[in-house]
């Protein structure tokens, strides 16, 4: 299994450059890599026991692939495959598929890293590949959005690297477990970098503009899997070093509420989905043990929603209320929105139930309130008007079928969660959310300020977050 793991992690980078040599087969080569990743994730679930690799022992470089990794790798495989299918007939060049597969491979690498230096390398490769995909249209707007993303990401990773060096200084190794013996400033620096990279809490407010202004397939990749590259190491650290788990729990609640607060009053469909991603990251972090399954259900649903958003007649909700969307697209939109809302018989129900049932009382209450907010946000999509039309691009359906089928299969493993109490609680949550939507938020015209999304303010927020993290670690 060790040999298979090394071959699997290296293969996307080899094939990514091979695409340049034989561009005629770019789509086929790219799609084949996603099938290999899906197969490797399946192996992790079948094997059960984790795969551990010690590389460069003097520096403590460690790779760990287990079932938690498997959920994220499977998400990455399905979302990347869906994006390739979406782009199949859209005249994307070999350059696009090369960067998509390099991004796929570097995201996979994050999901098996168990030390800070190999994680740093993987995250930096992600930054470069994501930047090249964001700027793929070569318009002035896309270049500015890409440079903004790259600047924020690189600034955050500089802080992270200093923290990683401090961990090594204290432990003579870069292993995640070294956080337990590291000085407070090391924990604060590393967490600040990962929170920013993962789009979590206020340090993640680079995300709405980046995700909403990127091309539709790139938005699906970013929100479906790339953003989880910052959340996964935080989950791994919480499971390995129990002292830092309460800090991550606080940020889980904070980011769940912050994302929802902005999404409730947003009218741009892609920004709503991007802000919802910030909120859903809170649910993924809230319970690291169940976070892998939640990440799978969210990643598949959110990437599909971004693909649909790119096919709607308008991005403005007010206009969509007067422009009925195609009924088949609305049905797909309905299924995905209800899943994220937590409706029974859909995988979002199982994900939320698994996540919330073992949380401490105070945190569980807060996250249940955030769950009601999630229902309100997705009611905006559920209750859009629709009618039968004929202007649907055929290329939209293969990726949607793949992602929705993946969601349905994921729900099979959670049949034991269908108790009367769990079902009743989910239905009450949805009932409260829909009631609040019709009585309050459907008519709301409040606009929250976007000043925090400006580049200079995002950099300033990093400093404030670093101070807050330092005091939290000391406490």
Protein backbone atom coordinates (compact mmCIF):
# COMPACT_ATOMS: atom_id res chain seq x y z
CA UNK A 1 0.00 0.00 0.00
CA UNK A 2 2.96 2.34 0.63
CA UNK A 3 4.14 1.96 -2.98
CA UNK A 4 0.61 2.55 -4.26
CA UNK A 5 0.37 5.72 -2.16
CA UNK A 6 3.64 7.16 -3.51
CA UNK A 7 2.65 6.33 -7.10
CA UNK A 8 -0.83 7.81 -6.60
CA UNK A 9 0.45 11.10 -5.18
CA UNK A 10 3.04 11.52 -7.96
CA UNK A 11 0.82 10.49 -10.88
CA UNK A 12 -1.23 13.74 -11.27
CA UNK A 13 1.93 15.84 -11.59
CA UNK A 14 3.42 13.48 -14.18
CA UNK A 15 0.18 13.36 -16.20
CA UNK A 16 -0.31 17.12 -15.83
CA UNK A 17 2.92 17.76 -17.71
CA UNK A 18 2.25 14.85 -20.10
CA UNK A 19 -0.90 16.68 -21.23
CA UNK A 20 1.36 19.39 -22.69
CA UNK A 21 3.19 16.78 -24.77
CA UNK A 22 0.04 15.15 -26.14
CA UNK A 23 -2.68 17.84 -25.88
CA UNK A 24 -4.94 15.83 -28.18
CA UNK A 25 -5.77 13.58 -25.21
CA UNK A 26 -5.90 16.29 -22.54
CA UNK A 27 -9.48 15.62 -21.37
CA UNK A 28 -9.06 11.84 -21.36
CA UNK A 29 -5.82 11.99 -19.38
CA UNK A 30 -7.30 14.44 -16.90
CA UNK A 31 -10.42 12.33 -16.40
CA UNK A 32 -8.37 9.16 -15.91
CA UNK A 33 -6.53 10.77 -12.96
CA UNK A 34 -9.82 11.43 -11.17
CA UNK A 35 -10.75 7.76 -11.60
CA UNK A 36 -7.42 6.74 -10.05
CA UNK A 37 -8.06 9.05 -7.07
CA UNK A 38 -11.56 7.62 -6.61
CA UNK A 39 -10.07 4.12 -6.67
CA UNK A 40 -7.42 5.05 -4.09
CA UNK A 41 -10.06 6.56 -1.78
CA UNK A 42 -12.07 3.34 -2.08
CA UNK A 43 -8.95 1.37 -1.12
CA UNK A 44 -8.60 3.46 2.05
CA UNK A 45 -12.17 2.62 3.07
CA UNK A 46 -11.69 -1.08 2.30
CA UNK A 47 -8.33 -1.36 4.07
CA UNK A 48 -9.60 0.36 7.22
CA UNK A 49 -6.15 0.79 8.81
CA UNK A 50 -4.23 4.00 8.06
CA UNK A 51 -1.23 4.11 5.74
CA UNK A 52 1.76 5.89 7.33
CA UNK A 53 4.90 6.90 5.46
CA UNK A 54 8.01 8.37 7.09
CA UNK A 55 10.09 10.35 4.60
CA UNK A 56 13.26 12.35 5.29
CA UNK A 57 13.35 11.25 8.91
CA UNK A 58 15.80 13.96 9.94
CA UNK A 59 13.11 16.53 9.13
CA UNK A 60 10.10 14.51 10.32
CA UNK A 61 8.23 14.51 7.00
CA UNK A 62 5.22 12.25 7.52
CA UNK A 63 2.29 11.21 5.33
CA UNK A 64 -0.86 9.61 6.78
CA UNK A 65 -3.72 8.33 4.64
CA UNK A 66 -6.77 7.09 6.54
CA UNK A 67 -10.57 7.09 6.25
CA UNK A 68 -10.73 10.81 7.06
CA UNK A 69 -8.39 11.40 4.11
CA UNK A 70 -10.54 9.05 2.05
CA UNK A 71 -13.63 11.26 2.32
CA UNK A 72 -11.73 14.33 1.14
CA UNK A 73 -9.91 12.47 -1.65
CA UNK A 74 -13.20 11.03 -2.90
CA UNK A 75 -14.72 14.52 -2.88
CA UNK A 76 -11.75 15.85 -4.85
CA UNK A 77 -12.03 13.01 -7.39
CA UNK A 78 -15.74 13.50 -8.05
CA UNK A 79 -15.68 17.30 -8.17
CA UNK A 80 -12.66 17.40 -10.50
CA UNK A 81 -14.26 14.76 -12.75
CA UNK A 82 -17.47 16.80 -12.87
CA UNK A 83 -15.56 19.96 -13.81
CA UNK A 84 -13.74 18.10 -16.62
CA UNK A 85 -17.05 16.78 -17.95
CA UNK A 86 -18.55 20.28 -17.73
CA UNK A 87 -15.66 21.69 -19.78
CA UNK A 88 -15.59 18.79 -22.27
CA UNK A 89 -17.16 20.68 -25.15
CA UNK A 90 -16.21 24.23 -24.16
CA UNK A 91 -12.90 24.64 -25.99
CA UNK A 92 -10.65 24.65 -22.95
CA UNK A 93 -6.96 24.35 -23.86
CA UNK A 94 -4.44 21.80 -22.63
CA UNK A 95 -3.17 24.51 -20.26
CA UNK A 96 -6.50 24.50 -18.40
CA UNK A 97 -6.53 20.72 -17.96
CA UNK A 98 -2.88 20.70 -16.92
CA UNK A 99 -3.50 23.21 -14.15
CA UNK A 100 -6.71 21.43 -13.08
CA UNK A 101 -4.86 18.14 -12.65
CA UNK A 102 -1.88 19.73 -10.89
CA UNK A 103 -4.37 21.42 -8.58
CA UNK A 104 -6.09 18.05 -8.07
CA UNK A 105 -2.80 16.38 -7.16
CA UNK A 106 -1.67 19.10 -4.76
CA UNK A 107 -5.05 19.11 -2.99
CA UNK A 108 -4.76 15.33 -2.62
CA UNK A 109 -1.31 15.83 -1.11
CA UNK A 110 -2.77 18.11 1.58
CA UNK A 111 -5.19 15.36 2.57
CA UNK A 112 -2.37 12.96 3.49
CA UNK A 113 0.12 15.41 5.02
CA UNK A 114 0.82 15.00 8.74
CA UNK A 115 3.70 17.47 9.05
CA UNK A 116 3.95 21.20 8.52
CA UNK A 117 6.70 21.37 5.90
CA UNK A 118 5.17 19.00 3.34
CA UNK A 119 1.83 20.71 3.98
CA UNK A 120 3.46 24.07 3.24
CA UNK A 121 4.77 22.82 -0.11
CA UNK A 122 1.37 21.38 -1.09
CA UNK A 123 -0.48 24.57 -0.12
CA UNK A 124 1.90 26.73 -2.13
CA UNK A 125 1.44 24.56 -5.24
CA UNK A 126 -2.32 24.90 -4.74
CA UNK A 127 -1.95 28.69 -4.67
CA UNK A 128 -0.06 28.76 -7.98
CA UNK A 129 -2.38 26.33 -9.79
CA UNK A 130 -5.52 28.06 -8.47
CA UNK A 131 -4.12 31.46 -9.51
CA UNK A 132 -3.53 30.20 -13.06
CA UNK A 133 -7.07 28.82 -13.26
CA UNK A 134 -8.63 32.00 -11.87
CA UNK A 135 -6.74 34.12 -14.42
CA UNK A 136 -7.38 31.68 -17.30
CA UNK A 137 -9.73 34.12 -19.18
CA UNK A 138 -6.90 36.71 -19.16
CA UNK A 139 -9.34 39.58 -18.67
CA UNK A 140 -8.34 42.56 -16.53
CA UNK A 141 -10.92 41.54 -13.93
CA UNK A 142 -9.78 37.92 -13.70
CA UNK A 143 -6.12 38.93 -13.44
CA UNK A 144 -6.90 41.33 -10.59
CA UNK A 145 -8.97 38.70 -8.74
CA UNK A 146 -6.19 36.14 -9.22
CA UNK A 147 -3.44 38.49 -8.03
CA UNK A 148 -5.57 39.45 -5.03
CA UNK A 149 -6.00 35.76 -4.15
CA UNK A 150 -2.29 35.05 -4.63
CA UNK A 151 -1.23 38.04 -2.53
CA UNK A 152 -3.46 37.13 0.39
CA UNK A 153 -2.53 33.45 0.18
CA UNK A 154 1.22 34.10 0.07
CA UNK A 155 1.05 36.58 2.95
CA UNK A 156 -0.83 34.04 5.07
CA UNK A 157 1.66 31.29 4.20
CA UNK A 158 4.61 33.46 5.24
CA UNK A 159 3.10 33.66 8.74
CA UNK A 160 2.46 29.91 8.59
CA UNK A 161 6.07 29.14 7.63
CA UNK A 162 7.43 31.10 10.60
CA UNK A 163 5.12 29.09 12.86
CA UNK A 164 6.32 25.83 11.29
CA UNK A 165 9.95 26.80 11.97
CA UNK A 166 9.08 27.50 15.62
CA UNK A 167 7.47 24.04 15.88
CA UNK A 168 10.66 22.49 14.50
CA UNK A 169 12.76 24.53 16.91
CA UNK A 170 10.77 23.15 19.84
CA UNK A 171 10.54 19.52 18.69
CA UNK A 172 13.25 18.98 16.05
CA UNK A 173 10.44 17.76 13.79
CA UNK A 174 7.63 19.28 11.73
CA UNK A 175 4.98 16.74 12.82
CA UNK A 176 1.48 18.00 13.66
CA UNK A 177 1.82 16.43 17.11
CA UNK A 178 4.56 18.97 17.85
CA UNK A 179 1.89 21.64 18.38
CA UNK A 180 1.41 20.30 21.90
CA UNK A 181 4.97 21.35 22.85
CA UNK A 182 5.24 24.40 20.63
CA UNK A 183 5.25 27.99 21.96
CA UNK A 184 1.94 29.91 21.75
CA UNK A 185 3.17 32.13 18.94
CA UNK A 186 3.82 29.04 16.77
CA UNK A 187 0.24 27.82 17.17
CA UNK A 188 -1.12 31.31 16.49
CA UNK A 189 0.98 31.78 13.34
CA UNK A 190 0.15 28.36 11.88
CA UNK A 191 -3.56 28.66 12.64
CA UNK A 192 -3.71 32.16 11.18
CA UNK A 193 -2.24 30.85 7.93
CA UNK A 194 -4.60 27.89 7.76
CA UNK A 195 -7.69 29.92 8.70
CA UNK A 196 -6.93 32.38 5.91
CA UNK A 197 -6.13 29.66 3.40
CA UNK A 198 -9.33 27.82 4.33
CA UNK A 199 -11.59 30.88 4.07
CA UNK A 200 -12.58 30.59 7.72
CA UNK A 201 -14.11 33.40 9.82
CA UNK A 202 -13.19 37.02 8.99
CA UNK A 203 -9.76 36.07 7.62
CA UNK A 204 -11.63 34.20 4.88
CA UNK A 205 -13.43 37.18 3.41
CA UNK A 206 -11.25 37.03 0.32
CA UNK A 207 -13.46 34.09 -0.65
CA UNK A 208 -16.78 35.70 -1.80
CA UNK A 209 -15.21 37.86 -4.51
CA UNK A 210 -12.73 35.18 -5.64
CA UNK A 211 -15.30 32.42 -5.95
CA UNK A 212 -18.05 34.55 -7.45
CA UNK A 213 -15.87 36.26 -10.08
CA UNK A 214 -14.06 33.14 -11.29
CA UNK A 215 -15.32 31.13 -14.25
CA UNK A 216 -18.10 28.69 -13.37
CA UNK A 217 -15.97 25.48 -13.41
CA UNK A 218 -13.21 27.18 -11.41
CA UNK A 219 -15.76 28.38 -8.83
CA UNK A 220 -16.98 24.78 -8.52
CA UNK A 221 -13.43 23.56 -7.91
CA UNK A 222 -12.63 26.29 -5.39
CA UNK A 223 -15.76 25.86 -3.28
CA UNK A 224 -16.03 22.11 -3.76
CA UNK A 225 -12.52 21.04 -2.74
CA UNK A 226 -9.77 23.68 -2.82
CA UNK A 227 -11.11 25.63 0.14
CA UNK A 228 -11.03 22.44 2.23
CA UNK A 229 -7.25 22.31 1.92
CA UNK A 230 -7.07 24.85 4.75
CA UNK A 231 -9.75 23.18 6.87
CA UNK A 232 -8.38 19.63 6.69
CA UNK A 233 -5.08 20.31 8.55
CA UNK A 234 -7.03 22.08 11.30
CA UNK A 235 -9.22 18.99 11.69
CA UNK A 236 -6.16 16.73 11.75
CA UNK A 237 -4.50 18.92 14.39
CA UNK A 238 -7.67 18.88 16.54
CA UNK A 239 -7.70 15.07 16.45
CA UNK A 240 -3.97 14.74 17.20
CA UNK A 241 -3.52 17.53 19.76
CA UNK A 242 -6.54 17.84 22.04
CA UNK A 243 -5.30 21.12 23.54
CA UNK A 244 -6.06 23.00 20.31
CA UNK A 245 -9.50 21.45 19.71
CA UNK A 246 -11.40 24.11 21.76
CA UNK A 247 -9.84 26.91 19.67
CA UNK A 248 -10.96 25.24 16.46
CA UNK A 249 -14.43 24.75 17.97
CA UNK A 250 -14.72 28.49 18.65
CA UNK A 251 -13.81 29.33 15.07
CA UNK A 252 -16.26 26.70 13.82
CA UNK A 253 -19.15 28.50 15.51
CA UNK A 254 -17.88 31.94 14.49
CA UNK A 255 -17.48 31.11 10.82
CA UNK A 256 -20.86 29.31 10.68
CA UNK A 257 -22.64 32.44 11.92
CA UNK A 258 -20.58 34.95 9.96
CA UNK A 259 -21.12 33.25 6.60
CA UNK A 260 -24.85 32.89 7.22
CA UNK A 261 -25.22 36.51 8.40
CA UNK A 262 -23.87 37.81 5.09
CA UNK A 263 -25.58 35.21 2.89
CA UNK A 264 -29.00 36.04 4.34
CA UNK A 265 -28.91 39.55 2.86
CA UNK A 266 -27.08 38.83 -0.39
CA UNK A 267 -28.88 38.89 -3.76
CA UNK A 268 -26.11 37.67 -6.08
CA UNK A 269 -26.46 33.89 -6.54
CA UNK A 270 -22.73 33.13 -6.79
CA UNK A 271 -21.91 35.31 -3.80
CA UNK A 272 -24.65 33.58 -1.79
CA UNK A 273 -23.08 30.23 -2.59
CA UNK A 274 -19.59 31.53 -1.73
CA UNK A 275 -20.75 32.99 1.60
CA UNK A 276 -22.58 29.75 2.33
CA UNK A 277 -19.29 27.93 1.80
CA UNK A 278 -17.76 30.01 4.60
CA UNK A 279 -20.63 29.00 6.87
CA UNK A 280 -20.48 25.32 5.92
CA UNK A 281 -16.79 25.21 6.77
CA UNK A 282 -17.93 25.86 10.34
CA UNK A 283 -19.95 22.64 10.29
CA UNK A 284 -16.99 20.72 8.85
CA UNK A 285 -14.69 21.99 11.63
CA UNK A 286 -17.24 21.63 14.45
CA UNK A 287 -16.82 17.86 14.72
CA UNK A 288 -13.57 16.66 13.09
CA UNK A 289 -14.55 13.00 13.51
CA UNK A 290 -17.64 13.49 11.32
CA UNK A 291 -16.10 16.29 9.27
CA UNK A 292 -14.96 14.05 6.44
CA UNK A 293 -18.46 12.87 5.65
CA UNK A 294 -19.81 16.42 5.94
CA UNK A 295 -17.08 17.66 3.58
CA UNK A 296 -18.07 15.00 1.03
CA UNK A 297 -21.76 15.88 1.05
CA UNK A 298 -21.09 19.61 1.03
CA UNK A 299 -18.39 19.48 -1.65
CA UNK A 300 -20.52 17.52 -4.11
CA UNK A 301 -23.63 19.64 -3.54
CA UNK A 302 -21.86 23.01 -3.59
CA UNK A 303 -19.85 22.35 -6.74
CA UNK A 304 -23.06 21.22 -8.49
CA UNK A 305 -24.81 24.39 -7.32
CA UNK A 306 -22.04 26.55 -8.76
CA UNK A 307 -22.34 24.74 -12.10
CA UNK A 308 -26.08 25.41 -12.07
CA UNK A 309 -25.57 29.06 -11.07
CA UNK A 310 -23.44 29.52 -14.19
CA UNK A 311 -26.37 28.33 -16.33
CA UNK A 312 -29.09 30.53 -14.82
CA UNK A 313 -30.46 33.45 -16.89
CA UNK A 314 -29.24 35.94 -14.28
CA UNK A 315 -27.08 36.10 -11.14
CA UNK A 316 -29.49 38.50 -9.45
CA UNK A 317 -32.18 36.85 -7.30
CA UNK A 318 -34.64 39.70 -7.84
CA UNK A 319 -34.39 39.17 -11.59
CA UNK A 320 -34.69 35.40 -11.25
CA UNK A 321 -37.96 35.84 -9.39
CA UNK A 322 -39.31 37.36 -12.63
CA UNK A 323 -37.44 35.03 -15.01
CA UNK A 324 -38.58 31.44 -14.43
CA UNK A 325 -35.75 28.94 -14.72
CA UNK A 326 -35.98 25.66 -16.57
CA UNK A 327 -37.90 23.02 -14.58
CA UNK A 328 -35.28 20.21 -14.89
CA UNK A 329 -32.57 22.62 -13.67
CA UNK A 330 -34.86 23.76 -10.85
CA UNK A 331 -35.38 20.12 -9.79
CA UNK A 332 -31.61 19.63 -9.55
CA UNK A 333 -31.37 22.94 -7.68
CA UNK A 334 -34.13 21.77 -5.33
CA UNK A 335 -32.44 18.44 -4.52
CA UNK A 336 -29.06 20.06 -3.84
CA UNK A 337 -30.52 22.90 -1.75
CA UNK A 338 -32.63 20.50 0.31
CA UNK A 339 -29.58 18.32 0.91
CA UNK A 340 -27.51 21.19 2.31
CA UNK A 341 -30.58 22.25 4.32
CA UNK A 342 -30.60 18.80 5.95
CA UNK A 343 -33.84 17.25 4.65
CA UNK A 344 -34.26 13.54 5.57
CA UNK A 345 -33.63 11.05 2.72
CA UNK A 346 -30.83 13.28 1.45
CA UNK A 347 -27.18 13.01 2.61
CA UNK A 348 -27.11 16.50 4.13
CA UNK A 349 -29.47 15.18 6.82
CA UNK A 350 -27.04 12.45 7.83
CA UNK A 351 -24.07 14.83 7.71
CA UNK A 352 -25.73 17.37 10.00
CA UNK A 353 -27.02 14.68 12.37
CA UNK A 354 -23.58 13.08 12.71
CA UNK A 355 -21.95 16.46 13.21
CA UNK A 356 -24.34 17.89 15.81
CA UNK A 357 -25.20 14.88 17.94
CA UNK A 358 -21.90 14.66 19.88
CA UNK A 359 -21.10 18.37 20.32
CA UNK A 360 -20.97 20.01 23.77
CA UNK A 361 -24.32 21.54 24.72
CA UNK A 362 -23.44 25.20 24.17
CA UNK A 363 -21.76 24.52 20.83
CA UNK A 364 -24.63 22.26 19.74
CA UNK A 365 -27.20 25.00 20.44
CA UNK A 366 -25.18 27.54 18.45
CA UNK A 367 -24.69 25.20 15.50
CA UNK A 368 -28.39 24.26 15.45
CA UNK A 369 -29.26 27.97 15.18
CA UNK A 370 -26.76 28.23 12.32
CA UNK A 371 -28.49 25.24 10.70
CA UNK A 372 -31.76 27.20 10.70
CA UNK A 373 -29.90 30.05 9.01
CA UNK A 374 -28.67 27.62 6.33
CA UNK A 375 -32.28 26.63 5.61
CA UNK A 376 -33.25 30.30 5.21
CA UNK A 377 -30.39 30.93 2.76
CA UNK A 378 -31.25 27.99 0.52
CA UNK A 379 -34.95 28.80 0.61
CA UNK A 380 -33.97 31.63 -1.74
CA UNK A 381 -33.18 29.00 -4.39
CA UNK A 382 -35.89 26.47 -3.51
CA UNK A 383 -38.77 28.91 -4.02
CA UNK A 384 -37.64 30.40 -7.34
CA UNK A 385 -40.26 30.21 -10.13
CA UNK A 386 -39.73 27.67 -12.90
CA UNK A 387 -41.25 26.43 -16.15
CA UNK A 388 -40.35 24.04 -18.98
CA UNK A 389 -37.93 25.50 -21.50
CA UNK A 390 -35.67 24.12 -24.22
CA UNK A 391 -32.55 26.27 -23.93
CA UNK A 392 -30.42 23.92 -21.79
CA UNK A 393 -26.81 23.18 -22.71
CA UNK A 394 -26.44 19.37 -22.85
CA UNK A 395 -22.94 19.60 -21.31
CA UNK A 396 -24.49 20.61 -17.97
CA UNK A 397 -26.15 17.26 -17.33
CA UNK A 398 -23.23 14.76 -17.21
CA UNK A 399 -21.47 16.58 -14.33
CA UNK A 400 -24.77 17.14 -12.49
CA UNK A 401 -25.73 13.48 -12.82
CA UNK A 402 -22.28 12.43 -11.55
CA UNK A 403 -22.42 14.74 -8.52
CA UNK A 404 -26.05 14.02 -7.58
CA UNK A 405 -25.50 10.28 -7.98
CA UNK A 406 -22.48 10.56 -5.70
CA UNK A 407 -24.66 12.30 -3.14
CA UNK A 408 -27.32 9.60 -3.27
CA UNK A 409 -24.75 6.82 -2.89
CA UNK A 410 -23.18 8.62 0.08
CA UNK A 411 -26.54 8.55 1.87
CA UNK A 412 -26.68 4.75 1.90
CA UNK A 413 -24.08 4.46 4.69
CA UNK A 414 -26.19 6.44 7.17
CA UNK A 415 -29.46 4.51 7.40
CA UNK A 416 -29.06 3.96 11.16
CA UNK A 417 -29.46 7.72 11.72
CA UNK A 418 -33.11 7.66 10.66
CA UNK A 419 -34.68 7.67 14.10
CA UNK A 420 -37.93 9.48 14.91
CA UNK A 421 -36.10 12.04 17.05
CA UNK A 422 -33.53 12.87 14.34
CA UNK A 423 -36.14 13.13 11.59
CA UNK A 424 -38.40 15.32 13.74
CA UNK A 425 -35.55 17.63 14.63
CA UNK A 426 -34.55 18.03 10.95
CA UNK A 427 -38.12 18.78 9.88
CA UNK A 428 -38.56 21.32 12.68
CA UNK A 429 -35.31 23.03 11.63
CA UNK A 430 -36.51 23.26 8.03
CA UNK A 431 -39.95 24.45 9.12
CA UNK A 432 -38.44 27.22 11.25
CA UNK A 433 -36.12 28.27 8.43
CA UNK A 434 -38.84 28.43 5.80
CA UNK A 435 -41.16 30.32 8.15
CA UNK A 436 -38.45 32.89 8.86
CA UNK A 437 -37.78 33.21 5.13
CA UNK A 438 -41.40 33.96 4.21
CA UNK A 439 -42.14 36.16 7.22
CA UNK A 440 -38.91 38.17 7.40
CA UNK A 441 -36.11 37.59 4.93
CA UNK A 442 -38.01 37.33 1.65
CA UNK A 443 -38.84 41.02 1.88
CA UNK A 444 -35.58 42.14 3.47
CA UNK A 445 -33.51 44.73 1.60
CA UNK A 446 -30.66 45.18 4.10
CA UNK A 447 -27.20 45.40 2.54
CA UNK A 448 -24.22 44.56 4.73
CA UNK A 449 -20.98 46.50 4.06
CA UNK A 450 -18.31 44.86 1.92
CA UNK A 451 -15.47 47.06 3.10
CA UNK A 452 -13.82 44.10 4.84
CA UNK A 453 -13.35 42.44 1.43
CA UNK A 454 -10.97 45.14 0.23
CA UNK A 455 -7.40 43.91 -0.17
CA UNK A 456 -5.77 46.26 2.34
CA UNK A 457 -8.40 45.47 4.97
CA UNK A 458 -7.96 41.73 4.45
CA UNK A 459 -4.25 42.09 5.17
CA UNK A 460 -5.05 44.15 8.27
CA UNK A 461 -7.50 41.52 9.47
CA UNK A 462 -4.66 38.98 9.47
CA UNK A 463 -2.87 41.05 12.11
CA UNK A 464 -5.99 41.24 14.26
CA UNK A 465 -6.58 37.51 13.88
CA UNK A 466 -3.00 36.80 14.88
CA UNK A 467 -3.38 38.83 18.08
CA UNK A 468 -6.69 37.12 18.90
CA UNK A 469 -5.21 33.67 18.27
CA UNK A 470 -2.20 34.42 20.45
CA UNK A 471 -4.41 35.34 23.41
CA UNK A 472 -6.66 32.33 22.81
CA UNK A 473 -3.66 30.00 22.89
CA UNK A 474 -2.34 31.62 26.05
CA UNK A 475 -5.75 31.23 27.69
